[in-house]
Amino acid sequence: MHAEERTHHDAILQKIHDHVWEKIEIWGEAPMCRRLGDIERQALNGRPRTVFDPPRREFLRKYFNLAAENLE
């Protein structure tokens, strides 16, 4: 990842962090933990993290000939 991309990703993560803590201050920690757990379960069921899982990434490269730069 290029330094400029890393800076951009870091800024996005910071915004998400700030947003979550703002919501925790409004609604409390327990409701936000439940909501984040719901979001996490939905995301795992949808398999959006396939490109971050090395065995799946290698499978996609080997059998579907996907471009490696999109999977790293």
C-alpha atoms as a PDB file:
ATOM      1  CA  MET A   1       0.000   0.000   0.000  1.00  0.00           C
ATOM      2  CA  HIS A   2       1.330   3.418  -0.896  1.00  0.00           C
ATOM      3  CA  ALA A   3       1.951   5.981   1.859  1.00  0.00           C
ATOM      4  CA  GLU A   4      -0.806   8.216   0.482  1.00  0.00           C
ATOM      5  CA  GLU A   5      -3.309   5.348   0.555  1.00  0.00           C
ATOM      6  CA  ARG A   6      -2.255   4.441   4.103  1.00  0.00           C
ATOM      7  CA  THR A   7      -2.866   8.041   5.212  1.00  0.00           C
ATOM      8  CA  HIS A   8      -6.299   7.954   3.586  1.00  0.00           C
ATOM      9  CA  HIS A   9      -7.179   4.627   5.246  1.00  0.00           C
ATOM     10  CA  ASP A  10      -5.939   5.860   8.614  1.00  0.00           C
ATOM     11  CA  ALA A  11      -8.158   8.952   8.306  1.00  0.00           C
ATOM     12  CA  ILE A  12     -11.185   6.794   7.476  1.00  0.00           C
ATOM     13  CA  LEU A  13     -10.531   4.513  10.447  1.00  0.00           C
ATOM     14  CA  GLN A  14     -10.212   7.539  12.721  1.00  0.00           C
ATOM     15  CA  LYS A  15     -13.571   8.898  11.492  1.00  0.00           C
ATOM     16  CA  ILE A  16     -15.233   5.536  12.146  1.00  0.00           C
ATOM     17  CA  HIS A  17     -13.656   5.395  15.604  1.00  0.00           C
ATOM     18  CA  ASP A  18     -14.840   8.915  16.431  1.00  0.00           C
ATOM     19  CA  HIS A  19     -18.349   8.181  15.136  1.00  0.00           C
ATOM     20  CA  VAL A  20     -18.690   5.000  17.206  1.00  0.00           C
ATOM     21  CA  TRP A  21     -17.508   6.734  20.379  1.00  0.00           C
ATOM     22  CA  GLU A  22     -19.917   9.608  19.730  1.00  0.00           C
ATOM     23  CA  LYS A  23     -22.773   7.096  19.533  1.00  0.00           C
ATOM     24  CA  ILE A  24     -21.551   5.348  22.690  1.00  0.00           C
ATOM     25  CA  GLU A  25     -21.707   8.693  24.506  1.00  0.00           C
ATOM     26  CA  ILE A  26     -25.304   9.182  23.293  1.00  0.00           C
ATOM     27  CA  TRP A  27     -26.762   5.669  23.723  1.00  0.00           C
ATOM     28  CA  GLY A  28     -24.336   3.927  26.062  1.00  0.00           C
ATOM     29  CA  GLU A  29     -21.871   1.143  25.544  1.00  0.00           C
ATOM     30  CA  ALA A  30     -24.144  -1.910  25.848  1.00  0.00           C
ATOM     31  CA  PRO A  31     -26.581  -0.931  23.042  1.00  0.00           C
ATOM     32  CA  MET A  32     -23.681  -0.010  20.760  1.00  0.00           C
ATOM     33  CA  CYS A  33     -21.890  -3.294  21.453  1.00  0.00           C
ATOM     34  CA  ARG A  34     -25.085  -5.171  20.557  1.00  0.00           C
ATOM     35  CA  ARG A  35     -25.484  -3.141  17.358  1.00  0.00           C
ATOM     36  CA  LEU A  36     -21.851  -3.627  16.362  1.00  0.00           C
ATOM     37  CA  GLY A  37     -22.243  -7.353  17.032  1.00  0.00           C
ATOM     38  CA  ASP A  38     -25.289  -7.439  14.725  1.00  0.00           C
ATOM     39  CA  ILE A  39     -23.351  -5.630  11.999  1.00  0.00           C
ATOM     40  CA  GLU A  40     -20.402  -7.998  12.420  1.00  0.00           C
ATOM     41  CA  ARG A  41     -22.637 -11.092  12.155  1.00  0.00           C
ATOM     42  CA  GLN A  42     -24.277  -9.747   8.996  1.00  0.00           C
ATOM     43  CA  ALA A  43     -20.897  -8.934   7.481  1.00  0.00           C
ATOM     44  CA  LEU A  44     -19.480 -12.378   8.246  1.00  0.00           C
ATOM     45  CA  ASN A  45     -22.522 -14.029   6.681  1.00  0.00           C
ATOM     46  CA  GLY A  46     -21.989 -11.948   3.532  1.00  0.00           C
ATOM     47  CA  ARG A  47     -18.287 -12.900   3.307  1.00  0.00           C
ATOM     48  CA  PRO A  48     -16.959  -9.384   2.583  1.00  0.00           C
ATOM     49  CA  ARG A  49     -13.590 -10.263   4.120  1.00  0.00           C
ATOM     50  CA  THR A  50     -12.671 -12.956   1.610  1.00  0.00           C
ATOM     51  CA  VAL A  51      -9.772 -10.929   0.229  1.00  0.00           C
ATOM     52  CA  PHE A  52      -8.243 -10.682   3.724  1.00  0.00           C
ATOM     53  CA  ASP A  53      -8.315 -14.422   4.360  1.00  0.00           C
ATOM     54  CA  PRO A  54      -5.086 -15.875   2.848  1.00  0.00           C
ATOM     55  CA  PRO A  55      -6.434 -19.381   2.041  1.00  0.00           C
ATOM     56  CA  ARG A  56      -9.483 -17.953   0.258  1.00  0.00           C
ATOM     57  CA  ARG A  57      -7.362 -15.341  -1.477  1.00  0.00           C
ATOM     58  CA  GLU A  58      -5.029 -18.042  -2.800  1.00  0.00           C
ATOM     59  CA  PHE A  59      -8.015 -20.131  -3.900  1.00  0.00           C
ATOM     60  CA  LEU A  60      -9.419 -17.182  -5.868  1.00  0.00           C
ATOM     61  CA  ARG A  61      -6.047 -16.546  -7.471  1.00  0.00           C
ATOM     62  CA  LYS A  62      -5.471 -20.168  -8.389  1.00  0.00           C
ATOM     63  CA  TYR A  63      -8.892 -21.155  -9.690  1.00  0.00           C
ATOM     64  CA  PHE A  64     -10.363 -17.874 -10.931  1.00  0.00           C
ATOM     65  CA  ASN A  65      -7.205 -16.134 -12.106  1.00  0.00           C
ATOM     66  CA  LEU A  66      -8.059 -12.885 -10.335  1.00  0.00           C
ATOM     67  CA  ALA A  67      -5.678  -9.946 -10.476  1.00  0.00           C
ATOM     68  CA  ALA A  68      -3.364 -10.147  -7.482  1.00  0.00           C
ATOM     69  CA  GLU A  69      -3.237  -6.392  -6.880  1.00  0.00           C
ATOM     70  CA  ASN A  70      -6.982  -6.436  -6.119  1.00  0.00           C
ATOM     71  CA  LEU A  71      -6.523  -9.153  -3.517  1.00  0.00           C
ATOM     72  CA  GLU A  72      -3.557  -7.888  -1.511  1.00  0.00           C
END
